[in-house]
Protein backbone atom coordinates (compact mmCIF):
# COMPACT_ATOMS: atom_id res chain seq x y z
CA MET A 1 -15.24 -0.65 -0.24
CA ARG A 2 -14.36 -3.97 1.32
CA THR A 3 -10.58 -4.43 1.25
CA PRO A 4 -8.58 -7.50 2.34
CA VAL A 5 -8.36 -6.02 5.87
CA GLY A 6 -11.86 -4.58 6.26
CA GLU A 7 -13.56 -1.39 5.15
CA GLY A 8 -11.25 1.05 3.40
CA ILE A 9 -9.94 2.54 0.20
CA LEU A 10 -7.99 0.73 -2.49
CA ALA A 11 -6.21 3.72 -4.04
CA ALA A 12 -3.87 2.32 -6.72
CA VAL A 13 -2.89 -0.98 -8.35
CA THR A 14 0.02 -1.92 -10.57
CA THR A 15 2.17 -4.92 -11.45
CA TRP A 16 5.77 -5.20 -10.28
CA ARG A 17 7.96 -8.09 -11.43
CA GLY A 18 4.84 -9.96 -12.53
CA VAL A 19 3.01 -9.58 -9.19
CA PRO A 20 -0.08 -7.35 -8.76
CA ILE A 21 0.55 -4.80 -5.99
CA ALA A 22 -2.08 -2.48 -4.45
CA VAL A 23 -1.99 0.36 -1.92
CA GLY A 24 -4.66 2.05 0.15
CA TRP A 25 -5.84 2.59 3.72
CA THR A 26 -8.44 1.49 6.24
CA PHE A 27 -11.41 3.56 7.45
CA SER A 28 -10.97 2.45 11.07
CA GLU A 29 -9.14 4.81 13.44
CA PRO A 30 -6.29 5.17 13.40
CA GLN A 31 -6.23 4.78 9.65
CA ARG A 32 -3.54 2.39 8.45
CA GLY A 33 -1.80 2.64 5.11
CA ILE A 34 -1.48 -0.87 3.68
CA VAL A 35 0.29 -2.57 0.78
CA TRP A 36 -1.25 -5.73 -0.67
CA ALA A 37 0.06 -8.35 -3.10
CA SER A 38 -1.76 -11.01 -5.10
CA ARG A 39 -0.64 -14.09 -6.99
CA ASP A 40 -3.84 -14.27 -9.07
CA GLY A 41 -5.40 -10.77 -8.94
CA VAL A 42 -8.36 -12.13 -6.94
CA SER A 43 -6.99 -13.12 -3.52
CA TRP A 44 -4.99 -10.36 -1.82
CA GLU A 45 -2.73 -10.43 1.26
CA SER A 46 -1.16 -7.51 3.09
CA ILE A 47 2.61 -7.52 2.85
CA ALA A 48 4.20 -8.15 6.25
CA GLY A 49 5.77 -5.02 7.69
CA MET A 50 3.96 -2.74 5.22
CA GLN A 51 1.15 -1.44 7.45
CA LEU A 52 1.67 2.15 8.58
CA GLU A 53 -0.37 3.53 11.47
CA ALA A 54 -2.01 6.92 10.88
CA SER A 55 -1.22 6.92 7.16
CA ARG A 56 -2.87 6.87 3.77
CA LEU A 57 -0.93 5.24 0.93
CA THR A 58 -2.21 6.78 -2.29
CA ASP A 59 -0.03 5.83 -5.28
CA LEU A 60 2.86 3.71 -6.48
CA ILE A 61 5.44 3.83 -9.24
CA VAL A 62 7.51 0.90 -10.48
CA SER A 63 10.67 0.28 -12.44
CA ASP A 64 12.60 -2.93 -13.00
CA ASP A 65 14.46 -2.60 -9.71
CA ARG A 66 12.35 -0.26 -7.53
CA LEU A 67 8.85 0.01 -6.10
CA ILE A 68 8.09 3.52 -4.82
CA ILE A 69 4.97 4.07 -2.70
CA VAL A 70 3.74 7.53 -1.69
CA GLY A 71 1.10 8.87 0.64
CA THR A 72 0.58 11.03 3.71
CA GLU A 73 0.52 10.70 7.47
CA THR A 74 -2.88 11.54 8.92
CA GLY A 75 -1.93 12.86 12.37
CA SER A 76 -2.16 16.43 13.59
CA ARG A 77 0.32 17.52 10.88
CA THR A 78 0.08 16.09 7.40
CA GLU A 79 3.52 14.83 6.39
CA PRO A 80 4.51 13.01 3.20
CA VAL A 81 5.28 9.29 3.27
CA VAL A 82 7.66 7.75 0.73
CA LEU A 83 8.57 4.03 0.80
CA VAL A 84 11.12 2.49 -1.55
CA GLY A 85 11.26 -1.27 -2.08
CA GLU A 86 13.88 -3.33 -3.83
CA PRO A 87 13.67 -7.01 -4.75
CA PRO A 88 15.71 -9.36 -2.55
CA GLY A 89 19.03 -10.51 -3.86
């Protein structure tokens, strides 16, 4: 699949605070876990600071005040990755 940063996997999409958010990873080595946002659901941009080397981001959960992203590291040992985002303010 062609993602906003090249060939990769778009694993999950949801809406948080009215903004479409997607997670996935690139095929290129090392794989990078990436979080994207869109204002219109058509054009997507990676969120600055949300690219993780040697990771796959696979799912996300939202509430009013939290965005939780989960995945795994893809190095020699597979370790869980959990990111928690809060809106500014």
